[in-house]
């Protein structure tokens, strides 16, 4: 399993860790989507931090929380979760553009609603993680929606009819 980090804008391979039965993919419909890796290194400590990632089946899984590393004698034990992009949407508070309010109404079509979510994602992750955009959003009728202190993932769930 190759672990990468973006260094000065360049995708850089940090480590290539052997995958065994202690590394597992956990996926549930509309829920969990992560790779949990448990492994040990003898005599040295891997430099792993938030933002490092792996790629699996055209998807990117990122370390979003401090890696769990334990030292015992001359070995280091790791328990790391690499999470899919859906967790990024879960970590971003939806704010009304310009006002920074967390409770607001917005009248608009699907393009307006998706743009609201993408603007919030770019507000938090736009420079480091690249720019979020939508390839295609189907044209819909406008409607009035109330957003009340939710994250971007919840907003997407609310937007979908």
N, C-alpha and C. Protein backbone atom coordinates (compact mmCIF):
# COMPACT_ATOMS: atom_id res chain seq x y z
N UNK A 1 0.87 -1.16 0.00
CA UNK A 1 0.00 0.00 0.00
C UNK A 1 0.91 1.23 0.00
N UNK A 2 0.79 2.02 -1.04
CA UNK A 2 1.62 3.21 -1.15
C UNK A 2 0.92 4.39 -0.49
N UNK A 3 1.67 5.09 0.35
CA UNK A 3 1.15 6.26 1.05
C UNK A 3 1.80 7.49 0.44
N UNK A 4 0.95 8.49 0.13
CA UNK A 4 1.41 9.69 -0.55
C UNK A 4 1.18 10.93 0.30
N UNK A 5 1.92 11.98 -0.04
CA UNK A 5 1.73 13.30 0.55
C UNK A 5 1.97 14.32 -0.57
N UNK A 6 1.20 15.38 -0.56
CA UNK A 6 1.45 16.48 -1.49
C UNK A 6 2.52 17.37 -0.86
N UNK A 7 3.68 17.44 -1.52
CA UNK A 7 4.79 18.27 -1.04
C UNK A 7 5.09 19.31 -2.10
N UNK A 8 4.92 20.57 -1.74
CA UNK A 8 5.12 21.70 -2.67
C UNK A 8 4.34 21.48 -3.96
N UNK A 9 3.09 21.02 -3.81
CA UNK A 9 2.20 20.84 -4.96
C UNK A 9 2.44 19.58 -5.77
N UNK A 10 3.35 18.71 -5.32
CA UNK A 10 3.69 17.50 -6.08
C UNK A 10 3.32 16.26 -5.27
N UNK A 11 2.61 15.33 -5.92
CA UNK A 11 2.27 14.05 -5.29
C UNK A 11 3.57 13.26 -5.08
N UNK A 12 3.88 12.95 -3.81
CA UNK A 12 5.14 12.30 -3.46
C UNK A 12 4.87 11.02 -2.69
N UNK A 13 5.46 9.92 -3.15
CA UNK A 13 5.31 8.66 -2.42
C UNK A 13 6.18 8.70 -1.18
N UNK A 14 5.57 8.43 -0.02
CA UNK A 14 6.29 8.44 1.25
C UNK A 14 6.75 7.05 1.65
N UNK A 15 5.82 6.11 1.61
CA UNK A 15 6.08 4.76 2.11
C UNK A 15 5.32 3.75 1.27
N UNK A 16 5.82 2.54 1.22
CA UNK A 16 5.12 1.43 0.60
C UNK A 16 5.02 0.33 1.66
N UNK A 17 3.84 0.20 2.25
CA UNK A 17 3.63 -0.70 3.37
C UNK A 17 2.94 -1.96 2.89
N UNK A 18 3.43 -3.09 3.37
CA UNK A 18 2.85 -4.37 2.97
C UNK A 18 1.43 -4.51 3.50
N UNK A 19 0.52 -4.89 2.62
CA UNK A 19 -0.87 -5.09 2.99
C UNK A 19 -1.04 -6.55 3.39
N UNK A 20 -1.64 -6.75 4.56
CA UNK A 20 -1.90 -8.11 5.03
C UNK A 20 -3.31 -8.17 5.61
N UNK A 21 -3.59 -9.19 6.37
CA UNK A 21 -4.95 -9.36 6.91
C UNK A 21 -5.30 -8.30 7.95
N UNK A 22 -4.33 -7.51 8.39
CA UNK A 22 -4.59 -6.43 9.34
C UNK A 22 -4.97 -5.12 8.66
N UNK A 23 -5.07 -5.15 7.34
CA UNK A 23 -5.52 -3.98 6.58
C UNK A 23 -6.85 -4.35 5.94
N UNK A 24 -7.88 -3.53 6.20
CA UNK A 24 -9.20 -3.89 5.69
C UNK A 24 -9.95 -2.66 5.17
N UNK A 25 -10.76 -2.90 4.16
CA UNK A 25 -11.64 -1.88 3.60
C UNK A 25 -13.01 -2.06 4.24
N UNK A 26 -13.54 -0.99 4.84
CA UNK A 26 -14.86 -1.02 5.45
C UNK A 26 -15.77 -0.08 4.69
N UNK A 27 -16.78 -0.62 4.03
CA UNK A 27 -17.73 0.18 3.28
C UNK A 27 -19.14 -0.25 3.59
N UNK A 28 -20.01 0.74 3.76
CA UNK A 28 -21.44 0.48 3.94
C UNK A 28 -22.19 1.48 3.07
N UNK A 29 -23.32 1.07 2.54
CA UNK A 29 -24.12 1.94 1.71
C UNK A 29 -24.53 3.16 2.51
N UNK A 30 -24.28 4.35 1.97
CA UNK A 30 -24.57 5.63 2.62
C UNK A 30 -23.98 5.71 4.02
N UNK A 31 -22.80 5.18 4.16
CA UNK A 31 -22.18 5.21 5.48
C UNK A 31 -20.68 5.10 5.41
N UNK A 32 -20.17 4.22 6.20
CA UNK A 32 -18.74 4.06 6.37
C UNK A 32 -18.03 3.75 5.06
N UNK A 33 -16.89 4.41 4.83
CA UNK A 33 -16.05 4.14 3.67
C UNK A 33 -14.62 4.50 4.05
N UNK A 34 -13.89 3.52 4.57
CA UNK A 34 -12.54 3.79 5.04
C UNK A 34 -11.66 2.56 4.94
N UNK A 35 -10.36 2.81 4.94
CA UNK A 35 -9.38 1.73 4.98
C UNK A 35 -8.70 1.82 6.34
N UNK A 36 -8.72 0.73 7.08
CA UNK A 36 -8.06 0.69 8.38
C UNK A 36 -6.82 -0.18 8.24
N UNK A 37 -5.68 0.43 8.53
CA UNK A 37 -4.40 -0.28 8.43
C UNK A 37 -3.78 -0.41 9.81
N UNK A 38 -3.44 -1.65 10.16
CA UNK A 38 -2.72 -1.92 11.41
C UNK A 38 -1.45 -2.67 11.03
N UNK A 39 -0.32 -2.11 11.44
CA UNK A 39 0.95 -2.72 11.11
C UNK A 39 2.01 -2.30 12.12
N UNK A 40 3.17 -2.96 12.05
CA UNK A 40 4.28 -2.70 12.97
C UNK A 40 5.54 -2.47 12.17
N UNK A 41 6.37 -1.56 12.66
CA UNK A 41 7.69 -1.35 12.05
C UNK A 41 8.74 -1.57 13.14
N UNK A 42 9.80 -2.25 12.76
CA UNK A 42 10.87 -2.54 13.72
C UNK A 42 12.01 -1.54 13.54
N UNK A 43 12.36 -0.84 14.62
CA UNK A 43 13.53 0.01 14.62
C UNK A 43 13.38 1.41 14.05
N UNK A 44 12.27 1.72 13.41
CA UNK A 44 12.09 3.07 12.88
C UNK A 44 10.61 3.44 12.92
N UNK A 45 10.36 4.75 12.90
CA UNK A 45 8.99 5.25 12.94
C UNK A 45 8.66 5.91 11.60
N UNK A 46 7.55 5.50 11.01
CA UNK A 46 7.08 6.12 9.77
C UNK A 46 6.61 7.55 10.06
N UNK A 47 6.92 8.46 9.16
CA UNK A 47 6.44 9.84 9.24
C UNK A 47 5.07 9.88 8.56
N UNK A 48 4.01 9.79 9.36
CA UNK A 48 2.64 9.81 8.84
C UNK A 48 1.88 10.91 9.55
N UNK A 49 1.08 11.67 8.78
CA UNK A 49 0.33 12.76 9.39
C UNK A 49 -0.98 13.01 8.65
N UNK A 50 -1.78 13.86 9.26
CA UNK A 50 -3.05 14.24 8.64
C UNK A 50 -2.78 14.80 7.25
N UNK A 51 -3.57 14.35 6.28
CA UNK A 51 -3.41 14.79 4.90
C UNK A 51 -2.72 13.77 4.02
N UNK A 52 -1.95 12.85 4.61
CA UNK A 52 -1.34 11.77 3.83
C UNK A 52 -2.47 10.87 3.33
N UNK A 53 -2.26 10.19 2.21
CA UNK A 53 -3.36 9.42 1.63
C UNK A 53 -2.87 8.20 0.86
N UNK A 54 -3.82 7.30 0.59
CA UNK A 54 -3.61 6.14 -0.27
C UNK A 54 -4.66 6.20 -1.37
N UNK A 55 -4.41 5.46 -2.43
CA UNK A 55 -5.38 5.36 -3.52
C UNK A 55 -5.78 3.90 -3.68
N UNK A 56 -7.10 3.68 -3.84
CA UNK A 56 -7.60 2.33 -4.01
C UNK A 56 -8.80 2.38 -4.94
N UNK A 57 -8.74 1.64 -6.04
CA UNK A 57 -9.83 1.57 -7.03
C UNK A 57 -10.32 2.97 -7.42
N UNK A 58 -9.43 3.80 -7.88
CA UNK A 58 -9.73 5.15 -8.35
C UNK A 58 -10.31 6.07 -7.29
N UNK A 59 -10.16 5.73 -6.03
CA UNK A 59 -10.64 6.58 -4.94
C UNK A 59 -9.46 6.95 -4.04
N UNK A 60 -9.56 8.11 -3.43
CA UNK A 60 -8.52 8.60 -2.53
C UNK A 60 -9.03 8.48 -1.10
N UNK A 61 -8.21 7.91 -0.23
CA UNK A 61 -8.53 7.74 1.18
C UNK A 61 -7.44 8.48 1.97
N UNK A 62 -7.88 9.42 2.82
CA UNK A 62 -6.97 10.36 3.47
C UNK A 62 -6.97 10.18 4.98
N UNK A 63 -5.82 10.41 5.60
CA UNK A 63 -5.74 10.45 7.07
C UNK A 63 -6.32 11.78 7.51
N UNK A 64 -7.43 11.75 8.24
CA UNK A 64 -8.12 12.96 8.69
C UNK A 64 -7.97 13.19 10.19
N UNK A 65 -7.43 12.21 10.91
CA UNK A 65 -7.21 12.32 12.36
C UNK A 65 -5.80 11.86 12.65
N UNK A 66 -5.24 12.32 13.75
CA UNK A 66 -3.88 11.94 14.11
C UNK A 66 -3.74 10.42 14.12
N UNK A 67 -2.72 9.88 13.44
CA UNK A 67 -2.49 8.43 13.44
C UNK A 67 -2.21 7.92 14.86
N UNK A 68 -2.71 6.74 15.16
CA UNK A 68 -2.47 6.11 16.47
C UNK A 68 -1.18 5.30 16.36
N UNK A 69 -0.14 5.77 17.07
CA UNK A 69 1.17 5.12 17.03
C UNK A 69 1.61 4.83 18.46
N UNK A 70 1.99 3.57 18.71
CA UNK A 70 2.46 3.17 20.04
C UNK A 70 3.86 2.59 19.91
N UNK A 71 4.72 2.99 20.83
CA UNK A 71 6.08 2.47 20.85
C UNK A 71 6.22 1.44 21.96
N UNK A 72 6.84 0.31 21.61
CA UNK A 72 7.15 -0.71 22.61
C UNK A 72 8.54 -1.26 22.28
N UNK A 73 9.45 -1.09 23.20
CA UNK A 73 10.86 -1.47 23.01
C UNK A 73 11.39 -0.82 21.73
N UNK A 74 11.72 -1.62 20.72
CA UNK A 74 12.30 -1.07 19.50
C UNK A 74 11.34 -1.17 18.31
N UNK A 75 10.04 -1.22 18.58
CA UNK A 75 9.04 -1.36 17.52
C UNK A 75 7.96 -0.31 17.67
N UNK A 76 7.34 0.02 16.56
CA UNK A 76 6.22 0.97 16.54
C UNK A 76 5.01 0.27 15.96
N UNK A 77 3.87 0.38 16.66
CA UNK A 77 2.61 -0.21 16.19
C UNK A 77 1.70 0.92 15.73
N UNK A 78 1.07 0.71 14.58
CA UNK A 78 0.23 1.73 13.96
C UNK A 78 -1.19 1.22 13.82
N UNK A 79 -2.14 2.11 14.03
CA UNK A 79 -3.56 1.85 13.77
C UNK A 79 -4.07 3.13 13.11
N UNK A 80 -4.22 3.08 11.79
CA UNK A 80 -4.51 4.29 11.02
C UNK A 80 -5.77 4.09 10.19
N UNK A 81 -6.59 5.12 10.16
CA UNK A 81 -7.77 5.10 9.30
C UNK A 81 -7.58 6.10 8.17
N UNK A 82 -7.70 5.59 6.94
CA UNK A 82 -7.69 6.42 5.75
C UNK A 82 -9.15 6.53 5.32
N UNK A 83 -9.69 7.75 5.29
CA UNK A 83 -11.12 7.93 5.04
C UNK A 83 -11.39 8.52 3.66
N UNK A 84 -12.51 8.10 3.07
CA UNK A 84 -12.90 8.59 1.74
C UNK A 84 -13.30 10.06 1.81
N UNK A 85 -13.47 10.66 0.63
CA UNK A 85 -13.81 12.09 0.55
C UNK A 85 -15.14 12.43 1.21
N UNK A 86 -16.04 11.46 1.37
CA UNK A 86 -17.33 11.77 2.00
C UNK A 86 -17.12 12.33 3.40
N UNK A 87 -16.05 11.90 4.07
CA UNK A 87 -15.77 12.40 5.42
C UNK A 87 -15.37 13.87 5.39
N UNK A 88 -14.76 14.30 4.29
CA UNK A 88 -14.42 15.72 4.16
C UNK A 88 -15.69 16.56 4.15
N UNK A 89 -16.72 16.09 3.42
CA UNK A 89 -18.00 16.80 3.37
C UNK A 89 -18.65 16.84 4.76
N UNK A 90 -18.41 15.80 5.53
CA UNK A 90 -18.97 15.72 6.87
C UNK A 90 -18.28 16.70 7.83
N UNK A 91 -17.05 17.09 7.53
CA UNK A 91 -16.26 17.95 8.41
C UNK A 91 -16.43 19.44 8.13
N UNK A 92 -17.19 19.81 7.10
CA UNK A 92 -17.31 21.23 6.74
C UNK A 92 -18.70 21.75 7.09
N UNK A 93 -18.73 22.76 7.93
CA UNK A 93 -19.97 23.44 8.32
C UNK A 93 -20.51 24.22 7.12
N UNK A 94 -21.79 24.06 6.83
CA UNK A 94 -22.43 24.81 5.75
C UNK A 94 -22.74 26.22 6.23
N UNK A 95 -22.16 27.20 5.55
CA UNK A 95 -22.38 28.61 5.90
C UNK A 95 -23.04 29.33 4.74
N UNK A 96 -23.88 30.31 5.05
CA UNK A 96 -24.49 31.16 4.05
C UNK A 96 -23.41 32.09 3.50
N UNK A 97 -23.20 32.09 2.19
CA UNK A 97 -22.13 32.91 1.62
C UNK A 97 -22.32 34.39 1.97
N UNK A 98 -21.24 35.00 2.38
CA UNK A 98 -21.27 36.43 2.69
C UNK A 98 -21.66 36.77 4.10
N UNK A 99 -22.55 35.99 4.70
CA UNK A 99 -23.02 36.31 6.05
C UNK A 99 -22.42 35.40 7.11
N UNK A 100 -21.94 34.23 6.69
CA UNK A 100 -21.38 33.24 7.60
C UNK A 100 -22.40 32.71 8.60
N UNK A 101 -23.67 32.85 8.30
CA UNK A 101 -24.72 32.31 9.16
C UNK A 101 -24.83 30.80 8.96
N UNK A 102 -25.18 30.08 10.01
CA UNK A 102 -25.37 28.63 9.91
C UNK A 102 -26.84 28.26 9.77
N UNK A 103 -27.73 29.20 10.02
CA UNK A 103 -29.17 28.97 9.83
C UNK A 103 -29.68 30.00 8.84
N UNK A 104 -30.19 29.52 7.70
CA UNK A 104 -30.63 30.43 6.65
C UNK A 104 -31.53 29.72 5.65
N UNK A 105 -32.23 30.50 4.84
CA UNK A 105 -33.04 30.01 3.73
C UNK A 105 -32.35 30.38 2.44
N UNK A 106 -32.52 29.52 1.44
CA UNK A 106 -31.98 29.81 0.11
C UNK A 106 -33.00 29.36 -0.91
N UNK A 107 -33.36 30.28 -1.80
CA UNK A 107 -34.23 29.91 -2.92
C UNK A 107 -33.33 29.72 -4.13
N UNK A 108 -33.46 28.54 -4.77
CA UNK A 108 -32.67 28.29 -5.96
C UNK A 108 -32.94 26.92 -6.53
N UNK A 109 -32.34 26.69 -7.69
CA UNK A 109 -32.48 25.38 -8.34
C UNK A 109 -31.32 24.48 -7.89
N UNK A 110 -31.22 23.30 -8.48
CA UNK A 110 -30.20 22.33 -8.08
C UNK A 110 -28.79 22.90 -8.27
N UNK A 111 -28.59 23.66 -9.32
CA UNK A 111 -27.26 24.25 -9.56
C UNK A 111 -26.90 25.21 -8.43
N UNK A 112 -27.85 26.03 -7.98
CA UNK A 112 -27.59 26.95 -6.87
C UNK A 112 -27.25 26.20 -5.59
N UNK A 113 -28.00 25.13 -5.34
CA UNK A 113 -27.80 24.36 -4.10
C UNK A 113 -26.45 23.64 -4.10
N UNK A 114 -26.11 23.01 -5.22
CA UNK A 114 -24.83 22.32 -5.32
C UNK A 114 -23.68 23.34 -5.25
N UNK A 115 -23.86 24.49 -5.88
CA UNK A 115 -22.84 25.55 -5.81
C UNK A 115 -22.60 26.01 -4.38
N UNK A 116 -23.67 26.08 -3.60
CA UNK A 116 -23.55 26.45 -2.19
C UNK A 116 -22.63 25.47 -1.45
N UNK A 117 -22.86 24.19 -1.65
CA UNK A 117 -22.04 23.16 -0.99
C UNK A 117 -20.60 23.24 -1.49
N UNK A 118 -20.40 23.34 -2.79
CA UNK A 118 -19.05 23.39 -3.34
C UNK A 118 -18.29 24.63 -2.88
N UNK A 119 -18.98 25.77 -2.79
CA UNK A 119 -18.32 26.98 -2.28
C UNK A 119 -17.84 26.78 -0.85
N UNK A 120 -18.64 26.09 -0.04
CA UNK A 120 -18.23 25.82 1.33
C UNK A 120 -17.05 24.84 1.37
N UNK A 121 -17.06 23.83 0.52
CA UNK A 121 -15.93 22.90 0.47
C UNK A 121 -14.65 23.63 0.05
N UNK A 122 -14.75 24.49 -0.94
CA UNK A 122 -13.58 25.25 -1.39
C UNK A 122 -13.11 26.24 -0.33
N UNK A 123 -14.03 26.73 0.48
CA UNK A 123 -13.66 27.64 1.57
C UNK A 123 -12.69 26.95 2.52
N UNK A 124 -12.91 25.67 2.77
CA UNK A 124 -12.08 24.94 3.73
C UNK A 124 -10.92 24.21 3.06
N UNK A 125 -11.18 23.52 1.94
CA UNK A 125 -10.17 22.65 1.34
C UNK A 125 -9.66 23.13 -0.01
N UNK A 126 -10.13 24.24 -0.49
CA UNK A 126 -9.82 24.69 -1.85
C UNK A 126 -8.36 24.79 -2.20
N UNK A 127 -7.53 25.30 -1.32
CA UNK A 127 -6.13 25.47 -1.69
C UNK A 127 -5.31 24.21 -1.51
N UNK A 128 -5.46 23.51 -0.40
CA UNK A 128 -4.66 22.32 -0.16
C UNK A 128 -5.13 21.13 -0.98
N UNK A 129 -6.42 20.85 -0.93
CA UNK A 129 -6.95 19.64 -1.55
C UNK A 129 -7.41 19.82 -2.98
N UNK A 130 -7.14 20.97 -3.59
CA UNK A 130 -7.62 21.21 -4.93
C UNK A 130 -8.96 21.89 -4.90
N UNK A 131 -9.52 22.13 -6.04
CA UNK A 131 -10.78 22.84 -6.13
C UNK A 131 -11.91 21.86 -6.35
N UNK A 132 -12.98 22.01 -5.59
CA UNK A 132 -14.16 21.17 -5.75
C UNK A 132 -15.06 21.78 -6.83
N UNK A 133 -15.57 20.92 -7.70
CA UNK A 133 -16.47 21.38 -8.76
C UNK A 133 -17.40 20.24 -9.13
N UNK A 134 -18.46 20.58 -9.85
CA UNK A 134 -19.41 19.57 -10.32
C UNK A 134 -19.29 19.48 -11.84
N UNK A 135 -19.19 18.27 -12.34
CA UNK A 135 -19.12 18.07 -13.79
C UNK A 135 -20.47 18.38 -14.44
N UNK A 136 -21.54 17.92 -13.80
CA UNK A 136 -22.87 18.12 -14.38
C UNK A 136 -23.90 18.13 -13.27
N UNK A 137 -24.79 19.10 -13.31
CA UNK A 137 -25.92 19.16 -12.39
C UNK A 137 -27.16 19.36 -13.25
N UNK A 138 -28.14 18.49 -13.07
CA UNK A 138 -29.36 18.57 -13.85
C UNK A 138 -30.16 19.81 -13.48
N UNK A 139 -30.71 20.47 -14.50
CA UNK A 139 -31.53 21.66 -14.27
C UNK A 139 -32.84 21.25 -13.59
N UNK A 140 -33.22 21.98 -12.56
CA UNK A 140 -34.46 21.70 -11.84
C UNK A 140 -35.23 23.00 -11.63
N UNK A 141 -36.44 22.87 -11.13
CA UNK A 141 -37.22 24.03 -10.73
C UNK A 141 -36.63 24.60 -9.44
N UNK A 142 -36.79 25.89 -9.25
CA UNK A 142 -36.33 26.51 -8.02
C UNK A 142 -37.23 26.12 -6.85
N UNK A 143 -36.65 26.10 -5.68
CA UNK A 143 -37.42 25.85 -4.47
C UNK A 143 -36.72 26.54 -3.29
N UNK A 144 -37.48 26.76 -2.24
CA UNK A 144 -36.95 27.42 -1.05
C UNK A 144 -36.54 26.35 -0.05
N UNK A 145 -35.29 26.42 0.40
CA UNK A 145 -34.80 25.42 1.35
C UNK A 145 -34.27 26.10 2.59
N UNK A 146 -34.48 25.44 3.72
CA UNK A 146 -33.97 25.93 5.00
C UNK A 146 -32.81 25.05 5.41
N UNK A 147 -31.69 25.68 5.73
CA UNK A 147 -30.52 24.99 6.23
C UNK A 147 -30.31 25.44 7.67
N UNK A 148 -30.18 24.48 8.57
CA UNK A 148 -30.08 24.81 9.99
C UNK A 148 -28.90 24.08 10.64
N UNK A 149 -27.77 24.76 10.70
CA UNK A 149 -26.59 24.26 11.41
C UNK A 149 -26.23 22.83 11.00
N UNK A 150 -25.97 22.62 9.70
CA UNK A 150 -25.64 21.29 9.19
C UNK A 150 -24.30 21.34 8.47
N UNK A 151 -23.76 20.15 8.21
CA UNK A 151 -22.52 20.07 7.44
C UNK A 151 -22.85 19.87 5.96
N UNK A 152 -21.81 19.89 5.13
CA UNK A 152 -22.03 19.79 3.68
C UNK A 152 -22.60 18.45 3.25
N UNK A 153 -22.24 17.36 3.93
CA UNK A 153 -22.79 16.05 3.59
C UNK A 153 -24.29 16.01 3.87
N UNK A 154 -24.70 16.54 5.01
CA UNK A 154 -26.13 16.60 5.35
C UNK A 154 -26.87 17.50 4.38
N UNK A 155 -26.23 18.58 3.94
CA UNK A 155 -26.86 19.48 2.98
C UNK A 155 -27.12 18.76 1.66
N UNK A 156 -26.15 17.96 1.20
CA UNK A 156 -26.35 17.21 -0.04
C UNK A 156 -27.51 16.22 0.11
N UNK A 157 -27.60 15.57 1.26
CA UNK A 157 -28.73 14.65 1.52
C UNK A 157 -30.05 15.40 1.48
N UNK A 158 -30.06 16.62 2.01
CA UNK A 158 -31.27 17.43 2.06
C UNK A 158 -31.66 17.94 0.68
N UNK A 159 -30.68 18.25 -0.15
CA UNK A 159 -30.92 18.80 -1.48
C UNK A 159 -31.55 17.78 -2.41
N UNK A 160 -31.09 16.52 -2.30
CA UNK A 160 -31.58 15.47 -3.18
C UNK A 160 -33.04 15.22 -2.88
N UNK A 161 -33.91 15.34 -3.90
CA UNK A 161 -35.36 15.15 -3.64
C UNK A 161 -35.73 13.73 -3.28
